[in-house]
Amino acid sequence: MELQQLFEQAVANSKNLTKKPDNDTLLKLYALYKQSTDGDVKGDRPSFWDMVGQAKYDAWQAQKGNSKETAMQSYIDLITKLSQ
């Protein structure tokens, strides 16, 4: 199966996890998804008052420089681990 197809399957599987991941894991999943679909983070960091937006931005920023393929594989691996 092609990496893109595996990634799409992992995204679908993420909606069916039996246990909700902790916030750090959710941020990592968000960042890997964004890096996989949009590439490096764009725009300015959200304002001080938007703490959730800042956390998401920072998590995505931490993925900067990773290729889309690397991010996809990391996302697949993390979903696979969470599904066990």
N, C-alpha and C. Protein backbone atom coordinates (compact mmCIF):
# COMPACT_ATOMS: atom_id res chain seq x y z
N MET A 1 0.84 -1.17 0.00
CA MET A 1 0.00 0.00 0.00
C MET A 1 0.89 1.25 0.00
N GLU A 2 0.49 2.23 -0.72
CA GLU A 2 1.24 3.49 -0.83
C GLU A 2 1.16 4.29 0.48
N LEU A 3 2.21 5.07 0.76
CA LEU A 3 2.29 5.85 1.99
C LEU A 3 1.08 6.75 2.17
N GLN A 4 0.65 7.42 1.11
CA GLN A 4 -0.51 8.32 1.18
C GLN A 4 -1.76 7.55 1.61
N GLN A 5 -1.94 6.36 1.08
CA GLN A 5 -3.10 5.55 1.43
C GLN A 5 -3.03 5.10 2.89
N LEU A 6 -1.82 4.72 3.33
CA LEU A 6 -1.64 4.31 4.72
C LEU A 6 -1.92 5.48 5.67
N PHE A 7 -1.48 6.67 5.25
CA PHE A 7 -1.72 7.87 6.05
C PHE A 7 -3.22 8.15 6.15
N GLU A 8 -3.91 8.10 5.04
CA GLU A 8 -5.36 8.33 5.04
C GLU A 8 -6.09 7.31 5.90
N GLN A 9 -5.62 6.07 5.87
CA GLN A 9 -6.22 5.03 6.71
C GLN A 9 -5.95 5.33 8.19
N ALA A 10 -4.75 5.79 8.51
CA ALA A 10 -4.41 6.13 9.89
C ALA A 10 -5.27 7.30 10.38
N VAL A 11 -5.52 8.28 9.51
CA VAL A 11 -6.38 9.40 9.88
C VAL A 11 -7.78 8.88 10.20
N ALA A 12 -8.28 7.98 9.38
CA ALA A 12 -9.60 7.39 9.63
C ALA A 12 -9.59 6.60 10.94
N ASN A 13 -8.52 5.86 11.17
CA ASN A 13 -8.41 5.05 12.39
C ASN A 13 -8.31 5.93 13.64
N SER A 14 -7.78 7.13 13.48
CA SER A 14 -7.62 8.02 14.64
C SER A 14 -8.97 8.41 15.23
N LYS A 15 -10.00 8.35 14.43
CA LYS A 15 -11.34 8.71 14.90
C LYS A 15 -12.01 7.57 15.66
N ASN A 16 -11.38 6.40 15.63
CA ASN A 16 -11.98 5.22 16.25
C ASN A 16 -11.14 4.66 17.39
N LEU A 17 -10.25 5.47 17.96
CA LEU A 17 -9.44 5.00 19.07
C LEU A 17 -10.34 4.71 20.27
N THR A 18 -10.04 3.64 20.99
CA THR A 18 -10.88 3.27 22.13
C THR A 18 -10.67 4.19 23.32
N LYS A 19 -9.47 4.76 23.44
CA LYS A 19 -9.16 5.66 24.56
C LYS A 19 -8.65 6.98 24.00
N LYS A 20 -9.16 8.09 24.53
CA LYS A 20 -8.72 9.40 24.07
C LYS A 20 -7.28 9.63 24.53
N PRO A 21 -6.39 10.00 23.61
CA PRO A 21 -5.00 10.27 23.98
C PRO A 21 -4.89 11.51 24.88
N ASP A 22 -3.79 11.59 25.63
CA ASP A 22 -3.58 12.76 26.48
C ASP A 22 -3.29 13.97 25.59
N ASN A 23 -3.29 15.16 26.20
CA ASN A 23 -3.14 16.41 25.44
C ASN A 23 -1.83 16.48 24.68
N ASP A 24 -0.73 16.02 25.28
CA ASP A 24 0.56 16.05 24.58
C ASP A 24 0.53 15.19 23.32
N THR A 25 -0.09 14.03 23.42
CA THR A 25 -0.20 13.14 22.26
C THR A 25 -1.11 13.75 21.20
N LEU A 26 -2.20 14.36 21.64
CA LEU A 26 -3.10 15.03 20.69
C LEU A 26 -2.37 16.16 19.94
N LEU A 27 -1.55 16.92 20.66
CA LEU A 27 -0.77 17.97 20.02
C LEU A 27 0.20 17.39 19.02
N LYS A 28 0.84 16.28 19.37
CA LYS A 28 1.79 15.64 18.44
C LYS A 28 1.05 15.16 17.19
N LEU A 29 -0.11 14.55 17.39
CA LEU A 29 -0.90 14.10 16.24
C LEU A 29 -1.29 15.28 15.35
N TYR A 30 -1.72 16.36 15.97
CA TYR A 30 -2.08 17.57 15.22
C TYR A 30 -0.89 18.06 14.41
N ALA A 31 0.26 18.17 15.06
CA ALA A 31 1.46 18.69 14.40
C ALA A 31 1.90 17.79 13.25
N LEU A 32 1.86 16.50 13.47
CA LEU A 32 2.26 15.57 12.40
C LEU A 32 1.27 15.63 11.24
N TYR A 33 -0.01 15.75 11.56
CA TYR A 33 -1.02 15.86 10.51
C TYR A 33 -0.79 17.12 9.69
N LYS A 34 -0.61 18.26 10.36
CA LYS A 34 -0.41 19.52 9.66
C LYS A 34 0.87 19.50 8.83
N GLN A 35 1.94 18.92 9.38
CA GLN A 35 3.20 18.84 8.64
C GLN A 35 3.02 17.95 7.41
N SER A 36 2.23 16.89 7.57
CA SER A 36 1.98 15.96 6.46
C SER A 36 1.15 16.59 5.36
N THR A 37 0.20 17.42 5.73
CA THR A 37 -0.74 17.96 4.74
C THR A 37 -0.36 19.35 4.24
N ASP A 38 0.25 20.18 5.11
CA ASP A 38 0.53 21.57 4.75
C ASP A 38 2.01 21.92 4.70
N GLY A 39 2.87 21.04 5.19
CA GLY A 39 4.30 21.36 5.23
C GLY A 39 4.63 22.22 6.45
N ASP A 40 5.72 22.96 6.36
CA ASP A 40 6.18 23.77 7.49
C ASP A 40 5.13 24.81 7.90
N VAL A 41 5.14 25.12 9.20
CA VAL A 41 4.21 26.09 9.77
C VAL A 41 4.32 27.44 9.06
N LYS A 42 3.18 28.08 8.91
CA LYS A 42 3.12 29.38 8.24
C LYS A 42 2.43 30.37 9.17
N GLY A 43 2.69 31.64 8.94
CA GLY A 43 2.00 32.67 9.70
C GLY A 43 2.66 32.96 11.03
N ASP A 44 2.04 33.87 11.75
CA ASP A 44 2.55 34.30 13.04
C ASP A 44 1.99 33.44 14.16
N ARG A 45 2.72 33.36 15.24
CA ARG A 45 2.26 32.66 16.43
C ARG A 45 1.06 33.41 16.99
N PRO A 46 0.01 32.67 17.40
CA PRO A 46 -1.17 33.32 17.96
C PRO A 46 -0.84 34.17 19.19
N SER A 47 -1.74 35.07 19.51
CA SER A 47 -1.52 36.00 20.62
C SER A 47 -1.49 35.28 21.96
N PHE A 48 -1.05 35.99 22.96
CA PHE A 48 -0.94 35.49 24.33
C PHE A 48 -2.26 34.93 24.84
N TRP A 49 -3.36 35.51 24.43
CA TRP A 49 -4.67 35.11 24.93
C TRP A 49 -5.17 33.81 24.33
N ASP A 50 -4.57 33.38 23.25
CA ASP A 50 -4.98 32.14 22.57
C ASP A 50 -4.00 31.03 22.93
N MET A 51 -4.15 30.51 24.14
CA MET A 51 -3.20 29.50 24.63
C MET A 51 -3.27 28.19 23.84
N VAL A 52 -4.47 27.79 23.44
CA VAL A 52 -4.62 26.57 22.65
C VAL A 52 -3.96 26.76 21.29
N GLY A 53 -4.21 27.90 20.67
CA GLY A 53 -3.59 28.20 19.39
C GLY A 53 -2.08 28.23 19.48
N GLN A 54 -1.56 28.79 20.57
CA GLN A 54 -0.11 28.82 20.77
C GLN A 54 0.45 27.41 20.89
N ALA A 55 -0.23 26.56 21.66
CA ALA A 55 0.24 25.18 21.85
C ALA A 55 0.25 24.43 20.52
N LYS A 56 -0.79 24.62 19.72
CA LYS A 56 -0.84 23.97 18.41
C LYS A 56 0.27 24.51 17.50
N TYR A 57 0.44 25.82 17.49
CA TYR A 57 1.47 26.44 16.67
C TYR A 57 2.85 25.91 17.07
N ASP A 58 3.12 25.89 18.37
CA ASP A 58 4.43 25.44 18.86
C ASP A 58 4.68 23.97 18.52
N ALA A 59 3.65 23.14 18.63
CA ALA A 59 3.80 21.72 18.29
C ALA A 59 4.10 21.56 16.80
N TRP A 60 3.41 22.32 15.97
CA TRP A 60 3.65 22.25 14.53
C TRP A 60 5.03 22.81 14.21
N GLN A 61 5.40 23.90 14.86
CA GLN A 61 6.72 24.51 14.65
C GLN A 61 7.84 23.52 14.96
N ALA A 62 7.61 22.65 15.96
CA ALA A 62 8.61 21.65 16.34
C ALA A 62 8.86 20.64 15.22
N GLN A 63 7.92 20.52 14.30
CA GLN A 63 8.06 19.59 13.17
C GLN A 63 8.74 20.24 11.96
N LYS A 64 9.03 21.52 12.06
CA LYS A 64 9.59 22.26 10.93
C LYS A 64 10.84 21.56 10.38
N GLY A 65 10.89 21.45 9.08
CA GLY A 65 12.02 20.83 8.43
C GLY A 65 11.83 19.35 8.12
N ASN A 66 10.87 18.71 8.79
CA ASN A 66 10.58 17.31 8.48
C ASN A 66 9.84 17.24 7.15
N SER A 67 10.17 16.27 6.36
CA SER A 67 9.48 16.10 5.09
C SER A 67 8.05 15.62 5.34
N LYS A 68 7.21 15.82 4.35
CA LYS A 68 5.83 15.35 4.47
C LYS A 68 5.81 13.83 4.65
N GLU A 69 6.69 13.14 3.96
CA GLU A 69 6.73 11.68 4.05
C GLU A 69 7.14 11.22 5.45
N THR A 70 8.12 11.90 6.03
CA THR A 70 8.56 11.56 7.39
C THR A 70 7.43 11.80 8.38
N ALA A 71 6.74 12.92 8.24
CA ALA A 71 5.63 13.24 9.13
C ALA A 71 4.49 12.23 8.96
N MET A 72 4.21 11.85 7.73
CA MET A 72 3.16 10.85 7.49
C MET A 72 3.51 9.54 8.19
N GLN A 73 4.75 9.09 8.03
CA GLN A 73 5.16 7.82 8.63
C GLN A 73 5.11 7.91 10.15
N SER A 74 5.51 9.03 10.71
CA SER A 74 5.45 9.22 12.17
C SER A 74 4.00 9.20 12.65
N TYR A 75 3.11 9.83 11.90
CA TYR A 75 1.68 9.83 12.24
C TYR A 75 1.13 8.39 12.21
N ILE A 76 1.45 7.67 11.16
CA ILE A 76 1.00 6.27 11.02
C ILE A 76 1.51 5.45 12.21
N ASP A 77 2.80 5.61 12.54
CA ASP A 77 3.39 4.85 13.62
C ASP A 77 2.72 5.17 14.97
N LEU A 78 2.43 6.44 15.20
CA LEU A 78 1.80 6.84 16.46
C LEU A 78 0.37 6.31 16.56
N ILE A 79 -0.38 6.40 15.49
CA ILE A 79 -1.75 5.86 15.50
C ILE A 79 -1.73 4.36 15.70
N THR A 80 -0.79 3.69 15.06
CA THR A 80 -0.67 2.23 15.23
C THR A 80 -0.39 1.89 16.69
N LYS A 81 0.51 2.64 17.31
CA LYS A 81 0.85 2.43 18.72
C LYS A 81 -0.37 2.67 19.62
N LEU A 82 -1.11 3.74 19.34
CA LEU A 82 -2.28 4.07 20.14
C LEU A 82 -3.42 3.08 19.95
N SER A 83 -3.44 2.38 18.84
CA SER A 83 -4.51 1.44 18.53
C SER A 83 -4.32 0.09 19.22
N GLN A 84 -3.14 -0.15 19.74
CA GLN A 84 -2.84 -1.45 20.35
C GLN A 84 -3.39 -1.55 21.75
